[in-house]
Amino acid sequence: MNALTRFERLDDMFPEMFRRLMKPMVTAGFEAPGEIRIDVSENDTGYEVRAEVPGAKKEDIRVSIDGNYVSISAEVRREKEEEKKAKGERTIVKELYVGSASRGFSLAHEVDDKASIAKYEDGVLKLSLPKKKEASSRTLAIQ
């Protein structure tokens, strides 16, 4: 069996690379909406995640945890306006985006979703994700 037959599509092998290559070209100074950037750090007890979600209100952000998979999604509104004139103003350039942004990622350990904490301030979502305690194992006596 050829090793490449295990992947249905080439972008399954390198999803991050293809996501960046297929990102649409945008005008200078105005980043494409829909991309949530993250920083993840780990310690002995859990993970700390910082995610940029500018243009979203905290009530429009959803975080879901399924085992070791974390998903962040948000309704985003971004505006950029240039060169307005007073009295009888007319807009020369106005760029507006209303839509959704999402990001999902896997962690090395399962997360305790009941003890997890999320805070949103100044366009940054901070997640405190404690690791789920391993189930204790025991040896069964054979009867």
C-alpha atoms as a PDB file:
ATOM      1  CA  MET A   1       0.000   0.000   0.000  1.00  0.00           C
ATOM      2  CA  ASN A   2       1.311   3.400  -0.924  1.00  0.00           C
ATOM      3  CA  ALA A   3       1.777   5.689   2.116  1.00  0.00           C
ATOM      4  CA  LEU A   4       0.030   8.560   0.333  1.00  0.00           C
ATOM      5  CA  THR A   5      -3.199   6.596  -0.101  1.00  0.00           C
ATOM      6  CA  ARG A   6      -3.923   7.094   3.608  1.00  0.00           C
ATOM      7  CA  PHE A   7      -4.713  10.773   2.940  1.00  0.00           C
ATOM      8  CA  GLU A   8      -7.805  11.602   0.965  1.00  0.00           C
ATOM      9  CA  ARG A   9      -6.561  15.104   0.185  1.00  0.00           C
ATOM     10  CA  LEU A  10      -3.092  16.605   0.136  1.00  0.00           C
ATOM     11  CA  ASP A  11      -4.105  19.439   2.466  1.00  0.00           C
ATOM     12  CA  ASP A  12      -4.875  16.825   5.161  1.00  0.00           C
ATOM     13  CA  MET A  13      -1.116  16.284   5.385  1.00  0.00           C
ATOM     14  CA  PHE A  14      -0.200  19.973   5.749  1.00  0.00           C
ATOM     15  CA  PRO A  15      -3.353  21.885   6.778  1.00  0.00           C
ATOM     16  CA  GLU A  16      -1.600  24.929   8.252  1.00  0.00           C
ATOM     17  CA  MET A  17       0.573  25.389   5.160  1.00  0.00           C
ATOM     18  CA  PHE A  18      -2.398  25.251   2.784  1.00  0.00           C
ATOM     19  CA  ARG A  19      -4.501  27.518   5.018  1.00  0.00           C
ATOM     20  CA  ARG A  20      -1.826  30.212   4.802  1.00  0.00           C
ATOM     21  CA  LEU A  21      -1.246  29.732   1.056  1.00  0.00           C
ATOM     22  CA  MET A  22      -4.938  29.951   0.267  1.00  0.00           C
ATOM     23  CA  LYS A  23      -5.465  33.078   2.425  1.00  0.00           C
ATOM     24  CA  PRO A  24      -6.884  35.807   0.187  1.00  0.00           C
ATOM     25  CA  MET A  25      -4.778  38.837  -0.657  1.00  0.00           C
ATOM     26  CA  VAL A  26      -5.867  41.955   1.225  1.00  0.00           C
ATOM     27  CA  THR A  27      -5.040  45.621   1.111  1.00  0.00           C
ATOM     28  CA  ALA A  28      -2.081  46.808   3.161  1.00  0.00           C
ATOM     29  CA  GLY A  29      -2.932  47.679   6.751  1.00  0.00           C
ATOM     30  CA  PHE A  30      -6.199  45.761   6.850  1.00  0.00           C
ATOM     31  CA  GLU A  31      -5.874  42.145   7.861  1.00  0.00           C
ATOM     32  CA  ALA A  32      -8.266  39.521   6.586  1.00  0.00           C
ATOM     33  CA  PRO A  33     -10.937  38.755   9.178  1.00  0.00           C
ATOM     34  CA  GLY A  34     -11.758  35.231  10.135  1.00  0.00           C
ATOM     35  CA  GLU A  35      -8.386  34.265  11.547  1.00  0.00           C
ATOM     36  CA  ILE A  36      -7.964  33.758  15.267  1.00  0.00           C
ATOM     37  CA  ARG A  37      -4.329  33.733  16.359  1.00  0.00           C
ATOM     38  CA  ILE A  38      -3.372  31.824  19.503  1.00  0.00           C
ATOM     39  CA  ASP A  39      -0.517  31.373  21.972  1.00  0.00           C
ATOM     40  CA  VAL A  40      -0.584  28.190  24.057  1.00  0.00           C
ATOM     41  CA  SER A  41       1.645  27.476  27.051  1.00  0.00           C
ATOM     42  CA  GLU A  42       1.719  24.403  29.274  1.00  0.00           C
ATOM     43  CA  ASN A  43       2.685  23.741  32.859  1.00  0.00           C
ATOM     44  CA  ASP A  44       2.340  20.670  35.100  1.00  0.00           C
ATOM     45  CA  THR A  45      -1.314  21.314  35.913  1.00  0.00           C
ATOM     46  CA  GLY A  46      -2.756  22.693  32.687  1.00  0.00           C
ATOM     47  CA  TYR A  47      -2.657  24.990  29.668  1.00  0.00           C
ATOM     48  CA  GLU A  48      -2.926  28.754  29.284  1.00  0.00           C
ATOM     49  CA  VAL A  49      -4.290  29.993  25.954  1.00  0.00           C
ATOM     50  CA  ARG A  50      -4.328  33.579  24.674  1.00  0.00           C
ATOM     51  CA  ALA A  51      -6.386  34.115  21.533  1.00  0.00           C
ATOM     52  CA  GLU A  52      -6.750  37.337  19.537  1.00  0.00           C
ATOM     53  CA  VAL A  53     -10.414  37.885  18.701  1.00  0.00           C
ATOM     54  CA  PRO A  54     -10.581  41.586  17.811  1.00  0.00           C
ATOM     55  CA  GLY A  55     -13.903  42.999  16.704  1.00  0.00           C
ATOM     56  CA  ALA A  56     -15.966  40.486  18.685  1.00  0.00           C
ATOM     57  CA  LYS A  57     -18.127  41.052  21.737  1.00  0.00           C
ATOM     58  CA  LYS A  58     -17.748  38.583  24.586  1.00  0.00           C
ATOM     59  CA  GLU A  59     -21.339  37.393  24.180  1.00  0.00           C
ATOM     60  CA  ASP A  60     -20.556  36.479  20.533  1.00  0.00           C
ATOM     61  CA  ILE A  61     -17.616  34.180  21.439  1.00  0.00           C
ATOM     62  CA  ARG A  62     -18.095  30.437  21.932  1.00  0.00           C
ATOM     63  CA  VAL A  63     -15.491  28.071  23.388  1.00  0.00           C
ATOM     64  CA  SER A  64     -16.097  24.331  23.387  1.00  0.00           C
ATOM     65  CA  ILE A  65     -13.957  21.567  24.852  1.00  0.00           C
ATOM     66  CA  ASP A  66     -14.191  17.934  23.805  1.00  0.00           C
ATOM     67  CA  GLY A  67     -11.528  15.822  25.511  1.00  0.00           C
ATOM     68  CA  ASN A  68      -8.255  17.327  24.292  1.00  0.00           C
ATOM     69  CA  TYR A  69      -9.795  19.340  21.423  1.00  0.00           C
ATOM     70  CA  VAL A  70     -10.549  23.041  21.981  1.00  0.00           C
ATOM     71  CA  SER A  71     -12.643  25.077  19.562  1.00  0.00           C
ATOM     72  CA  ILE A  72     -13.055  28.870  19.554  1.00  0.00           C
ATOM     73  CA  SER A  73     -15.609  30.597  17.326  1.00  0.00           C
ATOM     74  CA  ALA A  74     -16.891  34.166  17.205  1.00  0.00           C
ATOM     75  CA  GLU A  75     -19.088  36.556  15.262  1.00  0.00           C
ATOM     76  CA  VAL A  76     -16.737  39.331  14.140  1.00  0.00           C
ATOM     77  CA  ARG A  77     -17.334  42.899  12.999  1.00  0.00           C
ATOM     78  CA  ARG A  78     -14.393  44.958  11.759  1.00  0.00           C
ATOM     79  CA  GLU A  79     -14.484  48.391  10.213  1.00  0.00           C
ATOM     80  CA  LYS A  80     -11.858  50.679   8.761  1.00  0.00           C
ATOM     81  CA  GLU A  81     -12.665  54.113   7.450  1.00  0.00           C
ATOM     82  CA  GLU A  82     -10.389  56.711   5.875  1.00  0.00           C
ATOM     83  CA  GLU A  83     -10.628  60.358   4.810  1.00  0.00           C
ATOM     84  CA  LYS A  84     -13.910  61.842   5.943  1.00  0.00           C
ATOM     85  CA  LYS A  85     -14.785  65.440   5.342  1.00  0.00           C
ATOM     86  CA  ALA A  86     -16.836  67.515   7.755  1.00  0.00           C
ATOM     87  CA  LYS A  87     -20.178  69.007   6.616  1.00  0.00           C
ATOM     88  CA  GLY A  88     -21.354  67.329   3.498  1.00  0.00           C
ATOM     89  CA  GLU A  89     -18.981  64.500   4.249  1.00  0.00           C
ATOM     90  CA  ARG A  90     -18.513  61.702   1.859  1.00  0.00           C
ATOM     91  CA  THR A  91     -16.651  58.502   2.489  1.00  0.00           C
ATOM     92  CA  ILE A  92     -13.716  57.832   0.216  1.00  0.00           C
ATOM     93  CA  VAL A  93     -12.782  54.376   1.512  1.00  0.00           C
ATOM     94  CA  LYS A  94     -14.711  52.179   3.895  1.00  0.00           C
ATOM     95  CA  GLU A  95     -13.923  48.548   4.509  1.00  0.00           C
ATOM     96  CA  LEU A  96     -16.370  46.530   6.522  1.00  0.00           C
ATOM     97  CA  TYR A  97     -16.473  42.874   7.458  1.00  0.00           C
ATOM     98  CA  VAL A  98     -19.217  41.093   9.301  1.00  0.00           C
ATOM     99  CA  GLY A  99     -18.915  37.347   9.606  1.00  0.00           C
ATOM    100  CA  SER A 100     -17.508  34.574  11.688  1.00  0.00           C
ATOM    101  CA  ALA A 101     -14.057  33.436  12.729  1.00  0.00           C
ATOM    102  CA  SER A 102     -13.076  30.087  14.171  1.00  0.00           C
ATOM    103  CA  ARG A 103     -10.069  28.111  15.288  1.00  0.00           C
ATOM    104  CA  GLY A 104      -9.669  24.617  16.693  1.00  0.00           C
ATOM    105  CA  PHE A 105      -6.641  22.814  18.074  1.00  0.00           C
ATOM    106  CA  SER A 106      -5.676  19.634  19.929  1.00  0.00           C
ATOM    107  CA  LEU A 107      -3.690  19.471  23.141  1.00  0.00           C
ATOM    108  CA  ALA A 108      -1.508  16.619  24.413  1.00  0.00           C
ATOM    109  CA  HIS A 109      -3.725  15.947  27.463  1.00  0.00           C
ATOM    110  CA  GLU A 110      -7.469  15.928  28.026  1.00  0.00           C
ATOM    111  CA  VAL A 111      -8.865  19.107  29.570  1.00  0.00           C
ATOM    112  CA  ASP A 112     -11.083  19.294  32.664  1.00  0.00           C
ATOM    113  CA  ASP A 113     -13.924  21.257  31.071  1.00  0.00           C
ATOM    114  CA  LYS A 114     -15.736  21.805  34.393  1.00  0.00           C
ATOM    115  CA  ALA A 115     -12.737  23.615  35.958  1.00  0.00           C
ATOM    116  CA  SER A 116     -11.814  25.623  32.830  1.00  0.00           C
ATOM    117  CA  ILE A 117     -12.053  29.426  32.909  1.00  0.00           C
ATOM    118  CA  ALA A 118     -12.468  31.916  30.033  1.00  0.00           C
ATOM    119  CA  LYS A 119     -11.994  35.713  30.236  1.00  0.00           C
ATOM    120  CA  TYR A 120     -12.237  38.279  27.423  1.00  0.00           C
ATOM    121  CA  GLU A 121     -10.663  41.722  27.629  1.00  0.00           C
ATOM    122  CA  ASP A 122      -9.430  44.211  25.015  1.00  0.00           C
ATOM    123  CA  GLY A 123      -9.814  41.803  22.096  1.00  0.00           C
ATOM    124  CA  VAL A 124      -7.904  38.969  23.813  1.00  0.00           C
ATOM    125  CA  LEU A 125      -9.554  35.775  25.039  1.00  0.00           C
ATOM    126  CA  LYS A 126      -7.671  34.117  27.919  1.00  0.00           C
ATOM    127  CA  LEU A 127      -8.381  30.477  28.677  1.00  0.00           C
ATOM    128  CA  SER A 128      -7.173  28.582  31.726  1.00  0.00           C
ATOM    129  CA  LEU A 129      -7.511  24.890  30.898  1.00  0.00           C
ATOM    130  CA  PRO A 130      -6.541  22.489  33.709  1.00  0.00           C
ATOM    131  CA  LYS A 131      -5.465  19.002  32.711  1.00  0.00           C
ATOM    132  CA  LYS A 132      -7.915  16.253  33.527  1.00  0.00           C
ATOM    133  CA  LYS A 133      -6.633  14.062  36.322  1.00  0.00           C
ATOM    134  CA  GLU A 134      -5.799  10.594  35.109  1.00  0.00           C
ATOM    135  CA  ALA A 135      -8.146   7.895  36.282  1.00  0.00           C
ATOM    136  CA  SER A 136      -6.483   5.804  38.937  1.00  0.00           C
ATOM    137  CA  SER A 137      -5.804   2.259  37.920  1.00  0.00           C
ATOM    138  CA  ARG A 138      -6.126  -0.793  40.077  1.00  0.00           C
ATOM    139  CA  THR A 139      -5.448  -4.449  39.746  1.00  0.00           C
ATOM    140  CA  LEU A 140      -8.481  -6.687  39.833  1.00  0.00           C
ATOM    141  CA  ALA A 141      -8.368  -9.823  41.943  1.00  0.00           C
ATOM    142  CA  ILE A 142      -9.225 -12.900  39.964  1.00  0.00           C
ATOM    143  CA  GLN A 143     -11.911 -15.019  41.642  1.00  0.00           C
END
